Amino acid sequence: MSAEPLVVASSSIEHRRPRLGGWLMRAGFGAFVGLPGLIVTILAIAGAKMADTSVALSAVLIFLGILGLFVAPVVSLAGAVLTSLSLPLRSSGVLRADGQGLVVAQRGKEHHFARSAIEGGLVLPGTRLDGKRPRVELYLRNGSALTAEVPDGIAAHRLLDRLGIDASRRRVAVLCGSAYRPLVTGCVSLPIVCVLFFIPLGYLVTEYPGAHWPTGAFAWAVMLTMSFIVRLTRPHEIIVGSDGLRIRGGFVDQWIPHSQIHTIEEKQRELFLEVGEAGKPTRRVEVATGDPSFIMAVAGRLRLAIALGSNGAGGPPVGAELDPAGKSFTEWKDKLQALLLNAGYRKSAVTHEELFSVVDDPDLPPGQRLGAAMALRIAEHPDARVRIRVAADACADEAMKRALEEAAEGELGERTLRRVLD
């Protein structure tokens, strides 16, 4: 890689904070729904007379009411604005990338982002439908997103490569769907839910005229129902790694290895997969919905990850010896140690680079990859830690990512290993 920094001029750079904005929207809406429910519950337990006679209780109820009815909507509105607003404001600028990270020069100021602070990135090709030029979108570990228009797709890919977040070295995690959807859904469904629960509330109040608990039950029923609806409609997160694809959001957490993907189907605003194990019927899975450029970007990243996934190593001749299957954790580590000390092993065709190829190949069994990583660490290869961590950063499977990270530090534990194998 060249030591010279890569400099790219951009006609439009924006820095958004969708994760923080989404969190504020959810927190504000939750307080708007939940705090009145909490007030009703306190009144149901303590009674209206105690609230009238106790200054402290009255002050607490008034404070909760102000938070729920006045502060909470403002927090939600601030979150909605923060989700789409760029700070600093969108303007032209220059991107300068090197081995240390990224420098953004904009409006006479420079903003520095360390390489470790950048989690991933996508190239948004731009289409005639959205009328935009190619863009590179960088996702930071603090949840913010940096989007910059670039002269062409080649410059965008070179930028990802220089930052070390291309498909071969780093996974990418993106949110699919509007951050406003849970808030809008909640606001629309809240009055409907209240009207529906008023029916059983009226019945319970009629049957138990002197009881306070029906009002509290009504408040909690509304809160729990709204929590379920908002979580069900929150944006999905898509994680594309060298090993596979993870889709999670709401109550969905789906893992699809690359080896099970048969077809990638792009529509104007939708992305589908035909997936299934070899010899079994396939099923159709909706991966993402959104702007055409976003769909093209996710599909392109997925195709590239699949193409780069397998390096064709096939495993070294001692692949079975690297695998912990059928061995205790102690026996497995002793076997790896013995292999490295065995003269016959040193004379075999297996080299450090072949072990690295096993670590890098997501199509090989996880046990073999971890065995190769541990063998390299036991051998104290000088590049083992860095290259194993690169393989970990490219994994979409969280369990495998954690195991490789521990192996890179020489601290792979039995519990982490079994979590991968099971």
Protein backbone atom coordinates (compact mmCIF):
# COMPACT_ATOMS: atom_id res chain seq x y z
CA MET A 1 0.00 0.00 0.00
CA SER A 2 1.34 3.43 -0.88
CA ALA A 3 2.52 5.65 1.98
CA GLU A 4 1.13 8.68 0.17
CA PRO A 5 -2.29 9.74 1.42
CA LEU A 6 -5.24 9.41 -0.93
CA VAL A 7 -6.86 12.80 -1.52
CA VAL A 8 -10.39 12.98 -2.93
CA ALA A 9 -12.34 16.17 -3.55
CA SER A 10 -16.04 16.00 -2.70
CA SER A 11 -18.82 18.33 -3.77
CA SER A 12 -20.97 17.30 -0.81
CA ILE A 13 -19.98 15.96 2.62
CA GLU A 14 -22.47 15.35 5.42
CA HIS A 15 -22.07 13.90 8.90
CA ARG A 16 -25.27 12.44 10.34
CA ARG A 17 -25.96 10.69 13.65
CA PRO A 18 -28.83 8.29 12.90
CA ARG A 19 -28.17 5.94 15.82
CA LEU A 20 -28.20 8.72 18.41
CA GLY A 21 -31.24 10.34 16.77
CA GLY A 22 -33.08 7.01 16.69
CA TRP A 23 -32.28 6.40 20.34
CA LEU A 24 -33.62 9.83 21.30
CA MET A 25 -36.81 9.27 19.29
CA ARG A 26 -37.43 5.93 21.01
CA ALA A 27 -36.60 7.33 24.44
CA GLY A 28 -38.88 10.32 23.95
CA PHE A 29 -41.78 8.25 22.67
CA GLY A 30 -41.26 5.70 25.45
CA ALA A 31 -41.40 8.47 28.06
CA PHE A 32 -44.49 9.98 26.39
CA VAL A 33 -46.29 6.64 26.66
CA GLY A 34 -44.71 5.25 29.81
CA LEU A 35 -44.62 8.16 32.24
CA PRO A 36 -48.39 8.83 32.16
CA GLY A 37 -48.81 5.09 32.69
CA LEU A 38 -46.46 5.27 35.67
CA ILE A 39 -48.43 8.18 37.11
CA VAL A 40 -51.69 6.23 36.79
CA THR A 41 -50.04 3.21 38.47
CA ILE A 42 -48.80 5.32 41.40
CA LEU A 43 -52.25 6.84 41.84
CA ALA A 44 -53.83 3.37 41.68
CA ILE A 45 -51.51 2.12 44.42
CA ALA A 46 -51.31 5.18 46.68
CA GLY A 47 -54.80 6.54 46.08
CA ALA A 48 -55.93 10.02 45.08
CA LYS A 49 -56.29 11.17 48.71
CA MET A 50 -52.62 10.51 49.50
CA ALA A 51 -51.61 12.40 46.38
CA ASP A 52 -53.62 15.40 47.60
CA THR A 53 -52.24 15.33 51.15
CA SER A 54 -48.58 14.44 50.42
CA VAL A 55 -46.57 17.36 49.07
CA ALA A 56 -43.65 15.12 48.10
CA LEU A 57 -45.86 12.68 46.17
CA SER A 58 -47.67 15.52 44.43
CA ALA A 59 -44.34 17.05 43.40
CA VAL A 60 -43.13 13.71 42.01
CA LEU A 61 -46.35 13.24 40.02
CA ILE A 62 -46.21 16.78 38.63
CA PHE A 63 -42.54 16.30 37.68
CA LEU A 64 -43.32 13.01 35.91
CA GLY A 65 -46.25 14.64 34.14
CA ILE A 66 -44.08 17.50 32.85
CA LEU A 67 -41.45 15.02 31.65
CA GLY A 68 -43.99 12.81 29.91
CA LEU A 69 -46.28 15.41 28.34
CA PHE A 70 -43.88 18.26 27.53
CA VAL A 71 -40.24 17.16 27.64
CA ALA A 72 -40.68 13.74 25.98
CA PRO A 73 -42.21 15.11 22.72
CA VAL A 74 -39.37 17.65 22.48
CA VAL A 75 -36.80 14.86 22.92
CA SER A 76 -38.47 12.83 20.16
CA LEU A 77 -38.53 15.85 17.85
CA ALA A 78 -34.86 16.56 18.58
CA GLY A 79 -34.04 12.94 17.76
CA ALA A 80 -35.93 13.17 14.47
CA VAL A 81 -34.03 16.32 13.51
CA LEU A 82 -30.68 14.82 14.55
CA THR A 83 -31.33 11.71 12.46
CA SER A 84 -31.38 13.63 9.20
CA LEU A 85 -29.43 16.78 10.03
CA SER A 86 -25.76 17.04 9.13
CA LEU A 87 -23.48 18.62 11.74
CA PRO A 88 -21.49 20.43 10.45
CA LEU A 89 -23.88 21.41 7.69
CA ARG A 90 -23.48 19.71 4.33
CA SER A 91 -20.89 21.39 2.14
CA SER A 92 -18.04 20.66 -0.24
CA GLY A 93 -14.68 19.57 1.09
CA VAL A 94 -11.70 17.25 0.75
CA LEU A 95 -11.17 13.72 2.08
CA ARG A 96 -7.62 12.63 2.90
CA ALA A 97 -7.11 8.95 3.77
CA ASP A 98 -3.98 7.11 4.85
CA GLY A 99 -2.93 4.26 7.12
CA GLN A 100 -3.78 6.28 10.23
CA GLY A 101 -7.34 7.15 9.30
CA LEU A 102 -9.37 9.86 7.61
CA VAL A 103 -9.12 13.64 7.64
CA VAL A 104 -12.13 15.64 6.43
CA ALA A 105 -11.41 19.25 5.50
CA GLN A 106 -14.68 21.17 5.39
CA ARG A 107 -15.59 24.85 5.85
CA GLY A 108 -12.00 25.73 6.76
CA LYS A 109 -11.78 23.12 9.54
CA GLU A 110 -10.31 19.62 9.71
CA HIS A 111 -12.00 16.67 11.40
CA HIS A 112 -9.87 13.61 12.18
CA PHE A 113 -11.23 10.07 12.35
CA ALA A 114 -8.88 7.31 13.47
CA ARG A 115 -8.88 4.15 11.37
CA SER A 116 -10.03 2.14 14.38
CA ALA A 117 -13.04 4.46 14.77
CA ILE A 118 -14.37 3.57 11.30
CA GLU A 119 -16.44 0.38 11.46
CA GLY A 120 -17.24 -0.09 7.78
CA GLY A 121 -18.32 1.51 4.56
CA LEU A 122 -20.37 1.16 1.40
CA VAL A 123 -20.12 2.54 -2.11
CA LEU A 124 -23.46 4.01 -3.18
CA PRO A 125 -23.24 4.00 -6.99
CA GLY A 126 -25.90 6.59 -7.68
CA THR A 127 -28.66 6.01 -10.22
CA ARG A 128 -30.77 8.00 -12.63
CA LEU A 129 -33.70 7.50 -10.28
CA ASP A 130 -32.11 9.36 -7.38
CA GLY A 131 -30.15 11.77 -9.60
CA LYS A 132 -27.04 11.59 -7.42
CA ARG A 133 -23.38 11.03 -8.14
CA PRO A 134 -21.50 8.07 -6.64
CA ARG A 135 -21.09 8.38 -2.90
CA VAL A 136 -19.04 6.67 -0.24
CA GLU A 137 -20.77 6.15 3.09
CA LEU A 138 -18.61 5.46 6.13
CA TYR A 139 -20.06 4.07 9.36
CA LEU A 140 -18.33 5.08 12.58
CA ARG A 141 -18.28 3.00 15.74
CA ASN A 142 -20.11 5.73 17.66
CA GLY A 143 -23.14 5.24 15.39
CA SER A 144 -22.69 8.25 13.13
CA ALA A 145 -22.46 8.13 9.34
CA LEU A 146 -20.23 10.16 7.03
CA THR A 147 -21.46 10.45 3.43
CA ALA A 148 -19.47 12.11 0.66
CA GLU A 149 -20.04 12.46 -3.06
CA VAL A 150 -16.98 11.38 -5.06
CA PRO A 151 -16.00 11.81 -8.73
CA ASP A 152 -16.55 8.14 -9.57
CA GLY A 153 -16.94 4.64 -8.15
CA ILE A 154 -13.23 3.89 -8.56
CA ALA A 155 -12.33 6.73 -6.17
CA ALA A 156 -14.89 5.43 -3.66
CA HIS A 157 -13.46 1.89 -3.71
CA ARG A 158 -9.91 3.23 -3.45
CA LEU A 159 -10.98 5.21 -0.39
CA LEU A 160 -12.41 2.10 1.31
CA ASP A 161 -9.27 0.16 0.44
CA ARG A 162 -6.96 2.85 1.83
CA LEU A 163 -8.95 2.92 5.09
CA GLY A 164 -8.83 -0.88 5.36
CA ILE A 165 -12.61 -1.30 5.31
CA ASP A 166 -13.01 -3.01 1.94
CA ALA A 167 -14.89 -6.32 1.71
CA SER A 168 -11.78 -8.48 2.17
CA ARG A 169 -10.76 -6.87 5.46
CA ARG A 170 -13.81 -5.52 7.23
CA ARG A 171 -17.46 -6.39 7.55
CA VAL A 172 -20.10 -3.72 7.06
CA ALA A 173 -23.23 -3.11 9.15
CA VAL A 174 -26.02 -0.86 7.84
CA LEU A 175 -29.53 0.04 8.90
CA CYS A 176 -32.30 -0.75 6.44
CA GLY A 177 -35.46 1.31 6.58
CA SER A 178 -36.32 4.77 7.83
CA ALA A 179 -35.45 5.68 11.40
CA TYR A 180 -38.78 7.53 11.50
CA ARG A 181 -40.86 4.40 10.95
CA PRO A 182 -41.07 3.30 14.61
CA LEU A 183 -42.01 6.83 15.71
CA VAL A 184 -44.64 7.28 13.01
CA THR A 185 -46.03 3.80 13.65
CA GLY A 186 -46.21 4.50 17.36
CA CYS A 187 -47.96 7.85 16.94
CA VAL A 188 -50.52 6.36 14.55
CA SER A 189 -51.16 3.20 16.57
CA LEU A 190 -51.30 4.85 20.03
CA PRO A 191 -54.85 6.23 19.73
CA ILE A 192 -56.03 2.97 18.13
CA VAL A 193 -54.55 0.92 20.98
CA CYS A 194 -56.09 3.24 23.59
CA VAL A 195 -59.54 2.96 21.99
CA LEU A 196 -59.29 -0.84 21.87
CA PHE A 197 -58.26 -1.09 25.52
CA PHE A 198 -61.01 1.31 26.59
CA ILE A 199 -63.50 -1.51 25.95
CA PRO A 200 -62.13 -3.93 28.60
CA LEU A 201 -61.40 -0.92 30.86
CA GLY A 202 -65.07 0.10 30.79
CA TYR A 203 -66.11 -3.47 31.60
CA LEU A 204 -63.69 -3.76 34.55
CA VAL A 205 -64.67 -0.36 35.97
CA THR A 206 -68.33 -1.42 35.79
CA GLU A 207 -67.63 -4.80 37.46
CA TYR A 208 -65.29 -3.37 40.14
CA PRO A 209 -66.55 0.19 40.74
CA GLY A 210 -64.43 0.85 43.85
CA ALA A 211 -61.16 -0.61 42.63
CA HIS A 212 -58.17 1.39 41.39
CA TRP A 213 -56.33 -1.44 39.65
CA PRO A 214 -58.34 -1.43 36.37
CA THR A 215 -56.88 1.99 35.49
CA GLY A 216 -53.36 0.77 36.25
CA ALA A 217 -53.93 -2.40 34.22
CA PHE A 218 -55.11 -0.25 31.31
CA ALA A 219 -51.99 1.94 31.48
CA TRP A 220 -49.61 -1.03 31.56
CA ALA A 221 -51.48 -2.81 28.76
CA VAL A 222 -51.08 0.27 26.55
CA MET A 223 -47.37 0.60 27.39
CA LEU A 224 -46.56 -3.07 26.73
CA THR A 225 -48.52 -3.10 23.48
CA MET A 226 -46.83 0.06 22.22
CA SER A 227 -43.41 -1.32 23.19
CA PHE A 228 -44.14 -4.44 21.14
CA ILE A 229 -45.36 -2.45 18.11
CA VAL A 230 -42.42 -0.01 18.12
CA ARG A 231 -39.86 -2.80 18.45
CA LEU A 232 -41.55 -4.78 15.69
CA THR A 233 -41.27 -1.86 13.28
CA ARG A 234 -37.77 -0.61 14.09
CA PRO A 235 -35.25 -0.60 11.20
CA HIS A 236 -33.44 -3.83 10.41
CA GLU A 237 -29.67 -4.04 10.66
CA ILE A 238 -27.86 -5.85 7.84
CA ILE A 239 -24.35 -7.14 8.48
CA VAL A 240 -22.35 -8.36 5.48
CA GLY A 241 -19.14 -10.19 6.30
CA SER A 242 -16.68 -12.50 4.62
CA ASP A 243 -18.50 -15.50 6.10
CA GLY A 244 -22.14 -14.64 5.60
CA LEU A 245 -25.04 -12.28 6.13
CA ARG A 246 -26.87 -11.44 9.34
CA ILE A 247 -30.29 -9.75 9.36
CA ARG A 248 -31.61 -8.57 12.69
CA GLY A 249 -34.19 -6.15 13.94
CA GLY A 250 -37.47 -6.24 15.77
CA PHE A 251 -37.82 -9.89 16.77
CA VAL A 252 -35.77 -11.21 13.82
CA ASP A 253 -32.20 -12.49 14.04
CA GLN A 254 -31.33 -14.49 10.93
CA TRP A 255 -27.92 -15.86 9.95
CA ILE A 256 -27.26 -16.88 6.32
CA PRO A 257 -23.83 -18.32 5.41
CA HIS A 258 -22.57 -17.39 1.94
CA SER A 259 -22.51 -21.07 1.02
CA GLN A 260 -26.34 -21.17 1.27
CA ILE A 261 -26.95 -18.19 -1.05
CA HIS A 262 -27.98 -19.38 -4.52
CA THR A 263 -29.32 -16.20 -6.14
CA ILE A 264 -29.20 -12.46 -5.43
CA GLU A 265 -32.23 -10.70 -6.89
CA GLU A 266 -32.36 -6.92 -7.13
CA LYS A 267 -35.54 -4.99 -7.72
CA GLN A 268 -35.95 -1.24 -7.86
CA ARG A 269 -36.29 -0.80 -4.09
CA GLU A 270 -36.00 -4.36 -2.77
CA LEU A 271 -33.28 -6.98 -2.41
CA PHE A 272 -34.10 -10.69 -2.18
CA LEU A 273 -32.07 -13.88 -1.78
CA GLU A 274 -32.78 -17.47 -2.73
CA VAL A 275 -31.16 -19.48 0.05
CA GLY A 276 -31.01 -23.11 1.06
CA GLU A 277 -28.67 -25.94 1.90
CA ALA A 278 -27.35 -28.19 -0.85
CA GLY A 279 -29.91 -30.74 -1.99
CA LYS A 280 -32.79 -29.02 -0.16
CA PRO A 281 -35.55 -26.69 -1.42
CA THR A 282 -34.65 -23.02 -1.46
CA ARG A 283 -36.59 -20.23 0.23
CA ARG A 284 -36.91 -16.56 -0.63
CA VAL A 285 -35.64 -14.06 1.92
CA GLU A 286 -36.17 -10.30 1.83
CA VAL A 287 -32.89 -8.67 2.80
CA ALA A 288 -33.43 -4.95 2.37
CA THR A 289 -35.74 -2.22 1.15
CA GLY A 290 -34.75 1.33 0.34
CA ASP A 291 -33.45 3.69 -2.30
CA PRO A 292 -32.19 2.09 -5.54
CA SER A 293 -28.61 3.20 -4.85
CA PHE A 294 -28.74 1.62 -1.38
CA ILE A 295 -30.08 -1.66 -2.79
CA MET A 296 -27.36 -1.69 -5.45
CA ALA A 297 -24.70 -0.96 -2.82
CA VAL A 298 -25.76 -3.79 -0.48
CA ALA A 299 -26.11 -6.24 -3.37
CA GLY A 300 -22.70 -5.25 -4.74
CA ARG A 301 -21.04 -5.62 -1.34
CA LEU A 302 -22.69 -9.02 -0.86
CA ARG A 303 -21.56 -10.28 -4.29
CA LEU A 304 -18.03 -9.05 -3.64
CA ALA A 305 -17.92 -10.72 -0.21
CA ILE A 306 -19.08 -14.01 -1.72
CA ALA A 307 -16.52 -13.80 -4.51
CA LEU A 308 -13.69 -13.04 -2.07
CA GLY A 309 -14.90 -15.47 0.58
CA SER A 310 -13.26 -18.76 -0.32
CA ASN A 311 -9.58 -18.74 -1.20
CA GLY A 312 -9.66 -22.36 -2.32
CA ALA A 313 -7.25 -23.52 0.39
CA GLY A 314 -9.21 -26.68 1.05
CA GLY A 315 -7.43 -26.94 4.37
CA PRO A 316 -3.91 -28.17 5.01
CA PRO A 317 -3.08 -31.90 5.17
CA VAL A 318 -3.49 -31.76 8.96
CA GLY A 319 -6.88 -30.04 8.76
CA ALA A 320 -8.53 -32.76 10.84
CA GLU A 321 -5.82 -32.32 13.48
CA LEU A 322 -6.56 -28.60 13.69
CA ASP A 323 -10.26 -29.20 14.33
CA PRO A 324 -11.28 -29.46 18.02
CA ALA A 325 -14.24 -31.74 17.21
CA GLY A 326 -14.14 -34.89 19.36
CA LYS A 327 -11.44 -33.51 21.67
CA SER A 328 -11.52 -31.80 25.02
CA PHE A 329 -10.25 -28.24 25.12
CA THR A 330 -7.02 -29.31 26.83
CA GLU A 331 -6.47 -32.21 24.42
CA TRP A 332 -7.00 -29.88 21.46
CA LYS A 333 -4.41 -27.35 22.66
CA ASP A 334 -1.94 -30.13 23.46
CA LYS A 335 -2.45 -31.56 19.98
CA LEU A 336 -1.73 -28.20 18.37
CA GLN A 337 1.40 -27.87 20.49
CA ALA A 338 2.54 -31.37 19.51
CA LEU A 339 1.94 -30.67 15.82
CA LEU A 340 4.17 -27.63 15.93
CA LEU A 341 6.93 -29.52 17.72
CA ASN A 342 6.71 -32.60 15.52
CA ALA A 343 9.58 -32.82 13.04
CA GLY A 344 7.39 -34.66 10.56
CA TYR A 345 4.95 -31.77 10.64
CA ARG A 346 7.74 -29.31 9.86
CA LYS A 347 8.75 -31.39 6.87
CA SER A 348 5.21 -31.53 5.52
CA ALA A 349 3.82 -29.22 2.85
CA VAL A 350 2.03 -27.09 5.45
CA THR A 351 3.44 -23.59 5.83
CA HIS A 352 2.50 -20.59 7.88
CA GLU A 353 0.90 -19.01 4.82
CA GLU A 354 -1.30 -22.07 4.32
CA LEU A 355 -2.41 -21.79 7.94
CA PHE A 356 -3.17 -18.12 7.33
CA SER A 357 -5.21 -19.14 4.29
CA VAL A 358 -7.24 -21.45 6.53
CA VAL A 359 -7.87 -18.62 9.00
CA ASP A 360 -8.99 -16.36 6.15
CA ASP A 361 -11.27 -18.91 4.42
CA PRO A 362 -14.86 -18.58 5.73
CA ASP A 363 -15.97 -21.68 3.80
CA LEU A 364 -13.84 -23.98 5.99
CA PRO A 365 -15.21 -25.40 9.28
CA PRO A 366 -14.95 -22.89 12.15
CA GLY A 367 -12.97 -25.37 14.22
CA GLN A 368 -10.25 -25.61 11.58
CA ARG A 369 -10.01 -21.84 11.28
CA LEU A 370 -9.67 -21.44 15.03
CA GLY A 371 -7.20 -24.33 15.18
CA ALA A 372 -5.04 -22.66 12.53
CA ALA A 373 -5.24 -19.34 14.42
CA MET A 374 -4.21 -20.98 17.68
CA ALA A 375 -1.39 -22.88 15.94
CA LEU A 376 -0.02 -19.62 14.53
CA ARG A 377 -0.16 -17.98 17.97
CA ILE A 378 1.54 -20.96 19.61
CA ALA A 379 4.24 -20.74 16.93
CA GLU A 380 4.59 -17.03 17.83
CA HIS A 381 4.46 -15.98 14.20
CA PRO A 382 5.17 -12.21 14.13
CA ASP A 383 2.21 -11.41 11.85
CA ALA A 384 -0.29 -13.77 13.51
CA ARG A 385 -2.02 -11.27 15.80
CA VAL A 386 -2.61 -8.64 13.11
CA ARG A 387 -3.75 -11.03 10.39
CA ILE A 388 -6.06 -13.01 12.67
CA ARG A 389 -7.70 -9.77 13.82
CA VAL A 390 -8.22 -8.80 10.17
CA ALA A 391 -10.06 -12.10 9.67
CA ALA A 392 -12.11 -11.38 12.79
CA ASP A 393 -13.06 -7.89 11.60
CA ALA A 394 -14.43 -9.40 8.37
CA CYS A 395 -16.78 -11.84 10.16
CA ALA A 396 -20.52 -11.19 10.34
CA ASP A 397 -21.00 -14.13 12.72
CA GLU A 398 -20.60 -12.51 16.14
CA ALA A 399 -19.56 -15.74 17.88
CA MET A 400 -16.83 -16.47 15.32
CA LYS A 401 -15.68 -12.84 15.40
CA ARG A 402 -15.30 -12.97 19.18
CA ALA A 403 -13.46 -16.33 19.03
CA LEU A 404 -10.96 -15.08 16.43
CA GLU A 405 -10.39 -11.91 18.45
CA GLU A 406 -9.57 -14.00 21.51
CA ALA A 407 -7.37 -16.33 19.44
CA ALA A 408 -5.49 -13.31 18.08
CA GLU A 409 -4.59 -12.38 21.65
CA GLY A 410 -3.77 -15.99 22.55
CA GLU A 411 -6.67 -15.99 25.03
CA LEU A 412 -9.27 -18.20 23.35
CA GLY A 413 -11.41 -19.70 26.11
CA GLU A 414 -13.29 -22.99 26.09
CA ARG A 415 -16.67 -21.32 26.55
CA THR A 416 -16.11 -19.07 23.51
CA LEU A 417 -14.92 -22.04 21.45
CA ARG A 418 -17.93 -24.19 22.35
CA ARG A 419 -20.28 -21.32 21.52
CA VAL A 420 -18.89 -21.35 17.97
CA LEU A 421 -18.96 -25.11 17.57
CA ASP A 422 -22.46 -25.52 19.01
